[in-house]
Amino acid sequence: MSNNEILELKAAIMELTVNIKHMDTKQDEMLQDVKSIKEAIYNPETGLYARVRDLEQWQSSMSRVIWTVGLGFAGLIAKAIIEVI
């Protein structure tokens, strides 16, 4: 091998080393991002699943309220019709 080829190999190895170090730092950043996403989704108090659960509970309670008000209103209309007749 000539001296020039050895220098090219050293330069290529140095470039690979820099790229590997860059990949390592990017991988650490991705790990932190995934951890924060996991926390945002699975946190039992404020996570996405907790918010969906709260919305489902609110929806079921509001459904009961709407049915109660609707049936009460229908009862009042029926009573008014019976009184007219």
N, C-alpha and C. Protein backbone atom coordinates (compact mmCIF):
# COMPACT_ATOMS: atom_id res chain seq x y z
N MET A 1 0.83 -1.18 0.00
CA MET A 1 0.00 0.00 0.00
C MET A 1 0.87 1.24 0.00
N SER A 2 0.41 2.16 -0.73
CA SER A 2 1.18 3.39 -0.78
C SER A 2 0.77 4.29 0.38
N ASN A 3 1.57 5.28 0.59
CA ASN A 3 1.35 6.24 1.66
C ASN A 3 0.03 6.99 1.44
N ASN A 4 -0.28 7.28 0.19
CA ASN A 4 -1.49 8.00 -0.17
C ASN A 4 -2.73 7.17 0.17
N GLU A 5 -2.68 5.87 -0.09
CA GLU A 5 -3.80 4.99 0.21
C GLU A 5 -4.03 4.87 1.71
N ILE A 6 -2.94 4.82 2.45
CA ILE A 6 -3.04 4.74 3.91
C ILE A 6 -3.70 6.00 4.46
N LEU A 7 -3.32 7.15 3.92
CA LEU A 7 -3.92 8.41 4.36
C LEU A 7 -5.43 8.46 4.02
N GLU A 8 -5.80 7.93 2.88
CA GLU A 8 -7.21 7.88 2.49
C GLU A 8 -8.00 6.97 3.43
N LEU A 9 -7.39 5.82 3.79
CA LEU A 9 -8.04 4.91 4.73
C LEU A 9 -8.21 5.55 6.11
N LYS A 10 -7.17 6.25 6.57
CA LYS A 10 -7.27 6.93 7.86
C LYS A 10 -8.37 7.99 7.84
N ALA A 11 -8.46 8.73 6.73
CA ALA A 11 -9.49 9.75 6.61
C ALA A 11 -10.88 9.12 6.60
N ALA A 12 -11.02 7.99 5.91
CA ALA A 12 -12.31 7.30 5.86
C ALA A 12 -12.69 6.77 7.24
N ILE A 13 -11.71 6.24 7.96
CA ILE A 13 -11.98 5.72 9.31
C ILE A 13 -12.36 6.86 10.24
N MET A 14 -11.69 7.98 10.13
CA MET A 14 -12.02 9.15 10.97
C MET A 14 -13.43 9.64 10.65
N GLU A 15 -13.80 9.66 9.38
CA GLU A 15 -15.14 10.08 8.99
C GLU A 15 -16.20 9.13 9.55
N LEU A 16 -15.92 7.84 9.48
CA LEU A 16 -16.83 6.85 10.05
C LEU A 16 -16.97 7.03 11.56
N THR A 17 -15.87 7.31 12.23
CA THR A 17 -15.90 7.53 13.67
C THR A 17 -16.77 8.72 14.02
N VAL A 18 -16.61 9.81 13.28
CA VAL A 18 -17.43 11.01 13.52
C VAL A 18 -18.90 10.71 13.27
N ASN A 19 -19.18 9.97 12.20
CA ASN A 19 -20.58 9.63 11.90
C ASN A 19 -21.19 8.74 12.97
N ILE A 20 -20.41 7.80 13.50
CA ILE A 20 -20.91 6.92 14.56
C ILE A 20 -21.19 7.73 15.82
N LYS A 21 -20.32 8.66 16.16
CA LYS A 21 -20.55 9.51 17.34
C LYS A 21 -21.80 10.37 17.14
N HIS A 22 -21.99 10.87 15.94
CA HIS A 22 -23.18 11.67 15.63
C HIS A 22 -24.44 10.81 15.75
N MET A 23 -24.37 9.58 15.26
CA MET A 23 -25.51 8.67 15.38
C MET A 23 -25.81 8.36 16.84
N ASP A 24 -24.79 8.25 17.65
CA ASP A 24 -24.97 7.97 19.08
C ASP A 24 -25.71 9.11 19.76
N THR A 25 -25.32 10.34 19.46
CA THR A 25 -26.00 11.48 20.09
C THR A 25 -27.45 11.59 19.60
N LYS A 26 -27.65 11.34 18.32
CA LYS A 26 -29.03 11.38 17.78
C LYS A 26 -29.88 10.27 18.40
N GLN A 27 -29.29 9.12 18.63
CA GLN A 27 -30.02 8.01 19.24
C GLN A 27 -30.41 8.37 20.68
N ASP A 28 -29.52 9.03 21.40
CA ASP A 28 -29.85 9.48 22.76
C ASP A 28 -31.00 10.49 22.73
N GLU A 29 -30.99 11.40 21.76
CA GLU A 29 -32.07 12.37 21.63
C GLU A 29 -33.39 11.66 21.33
N MET A 30 -33.35 10.66 20.46
CA MET A 30 -34.57 9.91 20.13
C MET A 30 -35.08 9.16 21.36
N LEU A 31 -34.18 8.63 22.16
CA LEU A 31 -34.58 7.92 23.38
C LEU A 31 -35.32 8.87 24.32
N GLN A 32 -34.80 10.08 24.48
CA GLN A 32 -35.46 11.06 25.34
C GLN A 32 -36.83 11.44 24.77
N ASP A 33 -36.91 11.59 23.44
CA ASP A 33 -38.19 11.93 22.81
C ASP A 33 -39.21 10.82 23.02
N VAL A 34 -38.79 9.57 22.86
CA VAL A 34 -39.70 8.45 23.05
C VAL A 34 -40.16 8.37 24.50
N LYS A 35 -39.26 8.63 25.44
CA LYS A 35 -39.64 8.64 26.85
C LYS A 35 -40.68 9.71 27.13
N SER A 36 -40.50 10.90 26.56
CA SER A 36 -41.46 11.97 26.80
C SER A 36 -42.81 11.65 26.15
N ILE A 37 -42.79 11.03 24.98
CA ILE A 37 -44.05 10.62 24.33
C ILE A 37 -44.74 9.55 25.17
N LYS A 38 -43.98 8.60 25.65
CA LYS A 38 -44.54 7.55 26.50
C LYS A 38 -45.16 8.14 27.75
N GLU A 39 -44.49 9.11 28.35
CA GLU A 39 -45.02 9.78 29.54
C GLU A 39 -46.31 10.52 29.22
N ALA A 40 -46.35 11.18 28.06
CA ALA A 40 -47.54 11.94 27.68
C ALA A 40 -48.72 11.02 27.41
N ILE A 41 -48.47 9.82 26.97
CA ILE A 41 -49.57 8.90 26.64
C ILE A 41 -50.01 8.10 27.86
N TYR A 42 -49.08 7.56 28.61
CA TYR A 42 -49.41 6.60 29.65
C TYR A 42 -49.47 7.16 31.06
N ASN A 43 -49.24 8.43 31.27
CA ASN A 43 -49.31 9.00 32.61
C ASN A 43 -50.73 8.79 33.16
N PRO A 44 -50.86 8.16 34.35
CA PRO A 44 -52.21 7.83 34.84
C PRO A 44 -53.05 9.05 35.21
N GLU A 45 -52.43 10.19 35.44
CA GLU A 45 -53.19 11.38 35.83
C GLU A 45 -53.51 12.30 34.66
N THR A 46 -52.51 12.55 33.80
CA THR A 46 -52.69 13.54 32.73
C THR A 46 -52.41 12.99 31.34
N GLY A 47 -52.20 11.70 31.24
CA GLY A 47 -51.87 11.12 29.94
C GLY A 47 -53.06 11.05 29.01
N LEU A 48 -52.79 10.66 27.80
CA LEU A 48 -53.82 10.57 26.77
C LEU A 48 -54.91 9.58 27.16
N TYR A 49 -54.52 8.42 27.68
CA TYR A 49 -55.51 7.42 28.08
C TYR A 49 -56.38 7.93 29.22
N ALA A 50 -55.79 8.67 30.16
CA ALA A 50 -56.57 9.22 31.27
C ALA A 50 -57.57 10.26 30.76
N ARG A 51 -57.14 11.07 29.80
CA ARG A 51 -58.04 12.08 29.25
C ARG A 51 -59.19 11.43 28.47
N VAL A 52 -58.90 10.38 27.71
CA VAL A 52 -59.95 9.68 26.98
C VAL A 52 -60.93 9.04 27.96
N ARG A 53 -60.41 8.44 29.04
CA ARG A 53 -61.27 7.84 30.05
C ARG A 53 -62.18 8.89 30.68
N ASP A 54 -61.63 10.06 30.99
CA ASP A 54 -62.45 11.13 31.56
C ASP A 54 -63.53 11.60 30.59
N LEU A 55 -63.17 11.71 29.32
CA LEU A 55 -64.16 12.11 28.33
C LEU A 55 -65.27 11.07 28.18
N GLU A 56 -64.91 9.80 28.23
CA GLU A 56 -65.92 8.75 28.14
C GLU A 56 -66.85 8.78 29.33
N GLN A 57 -66.31 9.02 30.52
CA GLN A 57 -67.15 9.12 31.71
C GLN A 57 -68.08 10.34 31.62
N TRP A 58 -67.55 11.46 31.16
CA TRP A 58 -68.36 12.66 30.99
C TRP A 58 -69.46 12.41 29.97
N GLN A 59 -69.12 11.75 28.89
CA GLN A 59 -70.10 11.48 27.84
C GLN A 59 -71.23 10.59 28.37
N SER A 60 -70.90 9.58 29.14
CA SER A 60 -71.96 8.71 29.66
C SER A 60 -72.84 9.45 30.66
N SER A 61 -72.25 10.31 31.49
CA SER A 61 -73.07 11.06 32.44
C SER A 61 -73.94 12.09 31.72
N MET A 62 -73.41 12.74 30.70
CA MET A 62 -74.20 13.70 29.94
C MET A 62 -75.31 13.00 29.16
N SER A 63 -75.07 11.79 28.72
CA SER A 63 -76.10 11.02 28.02
C SER A 63 -77.28 10.77 28.96
N ARG A 64 -76.97 10.41 30.20
CA ARG A 64 -78.03 10.20 31.18
C ARG A 64 -78.80 11.49 31.45
N VAL A 65 -78.10 12.60 31.56
CA VAL A 65 -78.75 13.90 31.80
C VAL A 65 -79.65 14.26 30.63
N ILE A 66 -79.17 14.08 29.42
CA ILE A 66 -79.96 14.42 28.23
C ILE A 66 -81.22 13.55 28.17
N TRP A 67 -81.09 12.25 28.46
CA TRP A 67 -82.26 11.38 28.45
C TRP A 67 -83.25 11.80 29.54
N THR A 68 -82.76 12.15 30.71
CA THR A 68 -83.64 12.57 31.80
C THR A 68 -84.39 13.84 31.44
N VAL A 69 -83.68 14.83 30.92
CA VAL A 69 -84.32 16.09 30.52
C VAL A 69 -85.30 15.84 29.38
N GLY A 70 -84.91 15.03 28.41
CA GLY A 70 -85.79 14.74 27.28
C GLY A 70 -87.06 14.04 27.70
N LEU A 71 -86.93 13.04 28.58
CA LEU A 71 -88.11 12.33 29.07
C LEU A 71 -88.99 13.23 29.93
N GLY A 72 -88.38 14.11 30.71
CA GLY A 72 -89.17 15.06 31.50
C GLY A 72 -89.94 16.01 30.60
N PHE A 73 -89.27 16.49 29.56
CA PHE A 73 -89.93 17.39 28.61
C PHE A 73 -91.06 16.66 27.89
N ALA A 74 -90.83 15.42 27.48
CA ALA A 74 -91.87 14.63 26.82
C ALA A 74 -93.04 14.40 27.77
N GLY A 75 -92.75 14.17 29.04
CA GLY A 75 -93.81 14.00 30.04
C GLY A 75 -94.65 15.26 30.20
N LEU A 76 -93.97 16.42 30.22
CA LEU A 76 -94.71 17.70 30.33
C LEU A 76 -95.59 17.93 29.11
N ILE A 77 -95.09 17.62 27.94
CA ILE A 77 -95.89 17.77 26.71
C ILE A 77 -97.08 16.82 26.75
N ALA A 78 -96.85 15.57 27.17
CA ALA A 78 -97.95 14.60 27.26
C ALA A 78 -99.00 15.07 28.26
N LYS A 79 -98.55 15.61 29.41
CA LYS A 79 -99.48 16.11 30.43
C LYS A 79 -100.29 17.26 29.88
N ALA A 80 -99.63 18.17 29.15
CA ALA A 80 -100.33 19.32 28.58
C ALA A 80 -101.36 18.86 27.54
N ILE A 81 -101.04 17.87 26.75
CA ILE A 81 -101.97 17.37 25.75
C ILE A 81 -103.16 16.69 26.43
N ILE A 82 -102.89 15.93 27.50
CA ILE A 82 -103.97 15.26 28.22
C ILE A 82 -104.90 16.29 28.87
N GLU A 83 -104.34 17.36 29.42
CA GLU A 83 -105.17 18.39 30.03
C GLU A 83 -106.02 19.12 29.02
N VAL A 84 -105.49 19.29 27.79
CA VAL A 84 -106.26 19.96 26.75
C VAL A 84 -107.42 19.07 26.32
N ILE A 85 -107.19 17.80 26.30
CA ILE A 85 -108.24 16.87 25.83
C ILE A 85 -109.19 16.67 26.94
